[in-house]
Amino acid sequence: MKTAFVGKGGSGKTTLSSLFVRHLATTGSPVVAVDADINQHLGTALGLTDAQARRLPAMGEHLGLIKDHLRGSNPRIASAETMIKTTPPGEGSRLLRVREDNPVYEACARPVELDGGTVRLMVTGPFTEADLGVACYHSKTGAVELCLNHLVDTRDEYVVVDMTAGSDSFASGMFTRFDMTFLVAEPTRKGVSVYRQYKEYARDFGVTLKVVGNKVQGQDDIDFLRSEVGDDLLLTFGHSDFVRAMEKGRTPRFEELEDENRRALGALRAAVDATYEQRDWERYTQQMVHFHLKNARSWGNERTGADLAAQVDTAFVLREAATATA
């Protein structure tokens, strides 16, 4: 089950992403956690030191390997160089699964030991000195989008992505790659402004969106959020001494999290799990193709010198029963 955490900068989405990952780990569920934010903080929120977080391999630096692996023997893709972030899978493509070992995980994922379990952590990587002033951050997240396009996940498997802040997620089609999107909002006008943008942009794509109120101090804050986002408000998080300790660089045991907030994380998982029966793999595949053709026309054909529309395998539908090439 693929889950995204979005929200404005400072809303607490990385904190809630990490808490959700830790909650899943305590249940023994297989989890791949991905930091796709321009500010790379998910690793430290999961308890890594700053030095350990800096040593995490950047997905963007392994983009060639990722393309080579995912291309497989797909005859519609002439070379890895003609693959772009939106390239969809087809017959012969290699697919990724949450539980397997593969060259992509070997190069880009690192195990993180948490209370009761181990999760795989992947990061897009921060801006480098060479990127400053010349690179778009969405070129970094392209590796994440390409992997999500080729990912086959099932019930009780989880991919949790800490997305880039604000409405920047809509600069690519990645916002449609998730079973559930949690928008973390503070009880302020600025806090709900990103919700309105996200709701409007996502309206035509069947995005399942729920709001998680954060930094809530009382009933007045809850009433404010309810008046602004209506039934999209799923639940709220209040003050947490556990989170305060995390933010100071300490790593309390997960069992020390307040009961109320533990129950809230359980409710987040239940909301994600409930989307399983509504999965529509045909629509999911069609959306991949839609954004691929859009990017091909906009810049991809010119940049690669190829007709990227020819990469689309019209007979292929990504689904749980799909098989990968050897």
Protein backbone atom coordinates (compact mmCIF):
# COMPACT_ATOMS: atom_id res chain seq x y z
CA MET A 1 0.00 0.00 0.00
CA LYS A 2 1.54 3.27 -1.15
CA THR A 3 1.13 6.26 1.18
CA ALA A 4 2.25 9.88 0.72
CA PHE A 5 2.61 12.54 3.39
CA VAL A 6 2.30 16.08 2.02
CA GLY A 7 1.83 19.55 3.48
CA LYS A 8 3.43 22.96 3.71
CA GLY A 9 6.95 23.31 5.03
CA GLY A 10 7.01 23.08 8.80
CA SER A 11 3.63 21.38 9.08
CA GLY A 12 5.18 18.28 10.63
CA LYS A 13 4.74 15.91 7.68
CA THR A 14 8.24 14.41 8.10
CA THR A 15 7.60 13.83 11.80
CA LEU A 16 4.28 12.13 11.09
CA SER A 17 5.83 10.15 8.22
CA SER A 18 8.47 8.81 10.60
CA LEU A 19 5.94 8.00 13.31
CA PHE A 20 3.80 6.11 10.81
CA VAL A 21 6.85 4.17 9.58
CA ARG A 22 7.76 3.30 13.17
CA HIS A 23 4.18 2.22 13.89
CA LEU A 24 4.22 -0.10 10.87
CA ALA A 25 7.60 -1.50 11.91
CA THR A 26 6.25 -2.49 15.33
CA THR A 27 3.66 -4.68 13.58
CA GLY A 28 6.33 -6.52 11.60
CA SER A 29 5.00 -5.20 8.30
CA PRO A 30 7.45 -4.91 5.39
CA VAL A 31 8.09 -1.20 4.81
CA VAL A 32 10.00 0.86 2.26
CA ALA A 33 10.35 4.48 3.45
CA VAL A 34 11.32 7.14 0.90
CA ASP A 35 12.48 10.69 1.60
CA ALA A 36 11.44 12.66 -1.49
CA ASP A 37 11.61 16.08 0.16
CA ILE A 38 14.15 18.74 -0.80
CA ASN A 39 15.01 18.96 2.90
CA GLN A 40 16.28 15.51 3.78
CA HIS A 41 15.14 14.87 7.36
CA LEU A 42 13.36 11.52 7.33
CA GLY A 43 16.51 9.58 8.19
CA THR A 44 17.23 11.58 11.33
CA ALA A 45 13.53 11.48 12.27
CA LEU A 46 13.86 7.69 12.19
CA GLY A 47 16.77 7.88 14.62
CA LEU A 48 19.84 8.08 12.38
CA THR A 49 22.62 10.43 13.39
CA ASP A 50 23.42 13.34 11.08
CA ALA A 51 26.55 11.51 9.93
CA GLN A 52 24.60 8.32 9.18
CA ALA A 53 21.97 10.28 7.27
CA ARG A 54 24.63 11.98 5.15
CA ARG A 55 26.03 8.59 4.16
CA LEU A 56 22.73 7.35 2.76
CA PRO A 57 23.06 6.69 -0.99
CA ALA A 58 21.16 9.18 -3.17
CA MET A 59 18.74 7.63 -5.65
CA GLY A 60 19.50 10.38 -8.14
CA GLU A 61 23.13 9.33 -8.23
CA HIS A 62 22.10 5.80 -9.25
CA LEU A 63 19.58 6.79 -11.90
CA GLY A 64 21.50 4.96 -14.64
CA LEU A 65 21.46 1.72 -12.65
CA ILE A 66 17.75 2.15 -11.88
CA LYS A 67 16.93 2.64 -15.56
CA ASP A 68 19.08 -0.29 -16.67
CA HIS A 69 17.38 -2.59 -14.19
CA LEU A 70 13.79 -1.47 -14.84
CA ARG A 71 14.17 -1.48 -18.61
CA GLY A 72 14.80 -5.21 -18.58
CA SER A 73 14.11 -6.66 -22.03
CA ASN A 74 11.26 -4.29 -22.88
CA PRO A 75 11.53 -4.02 -26.70
CA ARG A 76 9.76 -0.65 -26.76
CA ILE A 77 12.61 1.05 -24.90
CA ALA A 78 15.60 1.36 -27.20
CA SER A 79 18.04 2.21 -24.42
CA ALA A 80 18.18 3.31 -20.81
CA GLU A 81 19.14 6.78 -22.07
CA THR A 82 15.67 7.16 -23.63
CA MET A 83 13.91 6.46 -20.33
CA ILE A 84 12.54 9.49 -18.50
CA LYS A 85 10.95 9.80 -15.06
CA THR A 86 7.48 8.94 -16.42
CA THR A 87 8.41 5.94 -18.58
CA PRO A 88 5.78 3.27 -17.85
CA PRO A 89 6.46 -0.46 -17.64
CA GLY A 90 5.50 -2.87 -20.38
CA GLU A 91 6.06 -6.46 -21.42
CA GLY A 92 9.67 -7.29 -20.60
CA SER A 93 10.15 -4.55 -18.00
CA ARG A 94 11.51 -5.49 -14.60
CA LEU A 95 9.16 -4.70 -11.76
CA LEU A 96 9.95 -3.90 -8.13
CA ARG A 97 8.36 -5.61 -5.15
CA VAL A 98 8.50 -4.52 -1.53
CA ARG A 99 9.82 -7.78 -0.06
CA GLU A 100 12.39 -8.78 -2.68
CA ASP A 101 16.10 -8.15 -2.98
CA ASN A 102 17.19 -6.50 -6.22
CA PRO A 103 19.99 -4.27 -7.58
CA VAL A 104 17.95 -1.10 -7.00
CA TYR A 105 17.52 -1.79 -3.29
CA GLU A 106 21.12 -2.96 -3.03
CA ALA A 107 22.38 0.36 -4.43
CA CYS A 108 19.81 2.80 -3.04
CA ALA A 109 18.21 1.37 0.11
CA ARG A 110 19.66 0.93 3.57
CA PRO A 111 18.13 -1.00 6.48
CA VAL A 112 17.11 1.00 9.52
CA GLU A 113 16.54 -0.88 12.78
CA LEU A 114 13.44 0.35 14.58
CA ASP A 115 11.42 -0.84 17.54
CA GLY A 116 10.34 -4.35 16.66
CA GLY A 117 11.45 -4.39 13.05
CA THR A 118 13.62 -3.20 10.20
CA VAL A 119 12.58 -0.94 7.34
CA ARG A 120 14.27 -0.06 4.07
CA LEU A 121 15.06 3.63 3.74
CA MET A 122 15.67 5.34 0.39
CA VAL A 123 16.42 9.02 -0.20
CA THR A 124 16.42 11.19 -3.29
CA GLY A 125 19.50 12.99 -2.03
CA PRO A 126 20.03 16.67 -1.26
CA PHE A 127 21.17 19.38 -3.64
CA THR A 128 24.87 19.22 -4.31
CA GLU A 129 27.10 22.20 -4.95
CA ALA A 130 27.00 21.35 -8.66
CA ASP A 131 23.18 21.53 -8.62
CA LEU A 132 22.91 25.00 -7.13
CA GLY A 133 21.54 27.54 -9.57
CA VAL A 134 21.31 25.10 -12.47
CA ALA A 135 19.21 22.09 -11.42
CA CYS A 136 15.51 21.60 -10.75
CA TYR A 137 14.79 19.53 -7.65
CA HIS A 138 12.22 17.52 -9.58
CA SER A 139 15.09 16.01 -11.53
CA LYS A 140 16.08 14.45 -8.21
CA THR A 141 12.64 13.00 -7.51
CA GLY A 142 12.48 11.51 -11.02
CA ALA A 143 14.16 8.37 -9.70
CA VAL A 144 11.39 7.97 -7.11
CA GLU A 145 8.67 8.41 -9.73
CA LEU A 146 10.30 5.87 -12.05
CA CYS A 147 10.50 3.32 -9.23
CA LEU A 148 6.87 3.90 -8.22
CA ASN A 149 5.80 3.38 -11.83
CA HIS A 150 7.39 -0.08 -11.73
CA LEU A 151 6.36 -1.03 -8.19
CA VAL A 152 3.92 -3.87 -7.50
CA ASP A 153 2.79 -3.89 -3.88
CA THR A 154 0.11 -5.90 -2.14
CA ARG A 155 -2.01 -5.87 0.99
CA ASP A 156 0.03 -5.56 4.22
CA GLU A 157 3.07 -4.19 2.37
CA TYR A 158 3.80 -0.50 2.76
CA VAL A 159 5.66 2.19 0.86
CA VAL A 160 5.68 5.50 2.76
CA VAL A 161 6.89 8.60 0.92
CA ASP A 162 7.69 11.91 2.61
CA MET A 163 6.92 14.24 -0.30
CA THR A 164 8.35 17.64 -1.15
CA ALA A 165 6.65 20.55 0.64
CA GLY A 166 3.68 22.54 -0.61
CA SER A 167 2.07 21.97 -3.99
CA ASP A 168 5.41 21.25 -5.70
CA SER A 169 4.34 17.61 -5.87
CA PHE A 170 2.17 18.53 -8.84
CA ALA A 171 5.19 19.36 -10.99
CA SER A 172 5.11 15.66 -11.95
CA GLY A 173 2.56 12.89 -12.06
CA MET A 174 3.90 11.37 -8.86
CA PHE A 175 0.94 12.68 -6.86
CA THR A 176 -1.26 10.04 -8.54
CA ARG A 177 0.98 7.11 -7.51
CA PHE A 178 -0.52 6.55 -4.06
CA ASP A 179 -3.38 4.60 -2.50
CA MET A 180 -3.65 7.24 0.21
CA THR A 181 -2.38 10.79 0.55
CA PHE A 182 -2.26 12.31 4.03
CA LEU A 183 -2.11 16.09 3.99
CA VAL A 184 -0.68 17.36 7.26
CA ALA A 185 -2.18 20.72 8.18
CA GLU A 186 -1.74 23.06 11.11
CA PRO A 187 -4.89 24.83 12.35
CA THR A 188 -4.04 28.12 10.61
CA ARG A 189 -5.04 29.82 7.36
CA LYS A 190 -1.62 29.05 5.90
CA GLY A 191 -1.90 25.51 7.16
CA VAL A 192 -5.04 24.79 5.16
CA SER A 193 -4.04 26.75 2.04
CA VAL A 194 -1.99 23.83 0.70
CA TYR A 195 -5.03 21.59 1.27
CA ARG A 196 -7.15 23.75 -1.02
CA GLN A 197 -4.49 23.67 -3.73
CA TYR A 198 -4.02 19.93 -3.42
CA LYS A 199 -7.75 19.24 -3.42
CA GLU A 200 -8.25 21.31 -6.56
CA TYR A 201 -5.31 19.87 -8.49
CA ALA A 202 -6.10 16.28 -7.53
CA ARG A 203 -9.84 16.50 -8.19
CA ASP A 204 -9.77 14.93 -11.66
CA PHE A 205 -7.35 12.10 -10.84
CA GLY A 206 -9.18 10.09 -8.21
CA VAL A 207 -6.63 10.90 -5.50
CA THR A 208 -7.74 9.67 -2.07
CA LEU A 209 -6.93 12.56 0.24
CA LYS A 210 -7.33 12.83 4.00
CA VAL A 211 -6.25 15.68 6.26
CA VAL A 212 -4.30 15.04 9.44
CA GLY A 213 -4.45 18.02 11.76
CA ASN A 214 -1.16 18.63 13.56
CA LYS A 215 -0.05 20.85 16.45
CA VAL A 216 -3.65 20.97 17.65
CA GLN A 217 -4.08 22.51 21.09
CA GLY A 218 -7.79 22.25 21.76
CA GLN A 219 -11.34 21.97 20.49
CA ASP A 220 -11.19 25.40 18.86
CA ASP A 221 -8.35 24.20 16.62
CA ILE A 222 -10.31 21.07 15.72
CA ASP A 223 -13.41 23.14 14.95
CA PHE A 224 -11.35 25.45 12.74
CA LEU A 225 -9.92 22.56 10.72
CA ARG A 226 -13.33 20.92 10.41
CA SER A 227 -14.83 24.16 9.11
CA GLU A 228 -12.07 24.52 6.53
CA VAL A 229 -11.68 20.95 5.23
CA GLY A 230 -14.97 19.29 6.20
CA ASP A 231 -15.15 15.51 6.09
CA ASP A 232 -11.61 15.28 4.70
CA LEU A 233 -10.36 15.78 8.27
CA LEU A 234 -9.49 12.27 9.41
CA LEU A 235 -7.92 12.95 12.82
CA THR A 236 -5.67 15.30 14.75
CA PHE A 237 -2.39 15.10 16.64
CA GLY A 238 -1.90 17.19 19.74
CA HIS A 239 1.07 17.99 21.95
CA SER A 240 3.57 15.17 22.30
CA ASP A 241 6.49 14.99 24.71
CA PHE A 242 7.68 12.03 22.66
CA VAL A 243 7.89 14.20 19.52
CA ARG A 244 9.60 16.99 21.43
CA ALA A 245 12.29 14.54 22.51
CA MET A 246 12.67 13.39 18.88
CA GLU A 247 13.11 16.96 17.72
CA LYS A 248 15.91 17.42 20.25
CA GLY A 249 17.82 14.52 18.76
CA ARG A 250 16.77 11.92 21.28
CA THR A 251 15.19 8.67 20.19
CA PRO A 252 12.67 7.43 22.74
CA ARG A 253 11.37 3.90 22.47
CA PHE A 254 8.18 3.85 20.43
CA GLU A 255 6.27 2.38 23.37
CA GLU A 256 6.73 5.73 25.11
CA LEU A 257 4.53 7.51 22.55
CA GLU A 258 1.34 8.79 24.15
CA ASP A 259 -1.61 6.36 23.94
CA GLU A 260 -3.78 8.91 22.15
CA ASN A 261 -1.19 9.41 19.43
CA ARG A 262 -0.56 5.66 19.14
CA ARG A 263 -4.26 5.19 18.50
CA ALA A 264 -4.12 7.93 15.88
CA LEU A 265 -1.35 6.09 14.03
CA GLY A 266 -3.45 2.95 14.13
CA ALA A 267 -6.29 4.94 12.57
CA LEU A 268 -3.95 6.11 9.79
CA ARG A 269 -3.07 2.51 8.99
CA ALA A 270 -6.72 1.51 9.02
CA ALA A 271 -7.49 4.32 6.56
CA VAL A 272 -4.69 3.15 4.26
CA ASP A 273 -5.76 -0.49 4.48
CA ALA A 274 -9.36 0.44 3.67
CA THR A 275 -8.30 1.70 0.24
CA TYR A 276 -7.18 -1.78 -0.84
CA GLU A 277 -10.58 -2.84 -2.09
CA GLN A 278 -10.84 0.33 -4.19
CA ARG A 279 -7.60 -0.28 -6.09
CA ASP A 280 -8.05 0.29 -9.82
CA TRP A 281 -4.90 -0.93 -11.60
CA GLU A 282 -6.24 -0.03 -15.04
CA ARG A 283 -6.80 3.59 -14.03
CA TYR A 284 -3.42 3.62 -12.31
CA THR A 285 -1.73 2.44 -15.51
CA GLN A 286 -3.70 4.88 -17.65
CA GLN A 287 -2.57 7.76 -15.44
CA MET A 288 1.06 6.68 -15.87
CA VAL A 289 0.59 6.73 -19.63
CA HIS A 290 -1.21 10.10 -19.51
CA PHE A 291 1.66 11.84 -17.74
CA HIS A 292 4.28 10.06 -19.82
CA LEU A 293 2.75 11.29 -23.07
CA LYS A 294 2.39 14.78 -21.61
CA ASN A 295 6.05 14.88 -20.60
CA ALA A 296 7.13 13.37 -23.91
CA ARG A 297 5.43 16.15 -25.86
CA SER A 298 6.57 18.88 -23.47
CA TRP A 299 10.28 18.08 -23.26
CA GLY A 300 11.08 14.37 -23.36
CA ASN A 301 11.10 13.80 -27.11
CA GLU A 302 13.35 16.78 -27.71
CA ARG A 303 15.74 15.88 -24.89
CA THR A 304 16.14 12.21 -25.82
CA GLY A 305 15.79 12.50 -29.58
CA ALA A 306 13.25 9.67 -29.53
CA ASP A 307 9.51 9.29 -29.95
CA LEU A 308 8.68 8.40 -26.36
CA ALA A 309 5.06 7.68 -27.17
CA ALA A 310 6.35 4.48 -28.76
CA GLN A 311 7.38 3.27 -25.28
CA VAL A 312 3.74 2.78 -24.29
CA ASP A 313 2.62 -0.86 -24.28
CA THR A 314 -1.14 -0.46 -24.75
CA ALA A 315 -1.81 -4.09 -23.79
CA PHE A 316 0.06 -3.90 -20.46
CA VAL A 317 -1.67 -3.25 -17.14
CA LEU A 318 0.38 -3.08 -13.95
CA ARG A 319 -1.30 -5.27 -11.36
CA GLU A 320 -0.43 -7.61 -8.51
CA ALA A 321 -0.32 -10.60 -10.84
CA ALA A 322 2.11 -8.87 -13.20
CA THR A 323 5.42 -10.66 -13.66
CA ALA A 324 8.86 -9.19 -14.13
CA THR A 325 11.45 -10.30 -16.63
CA ALA A 326 14.41 -12.24 -15.33
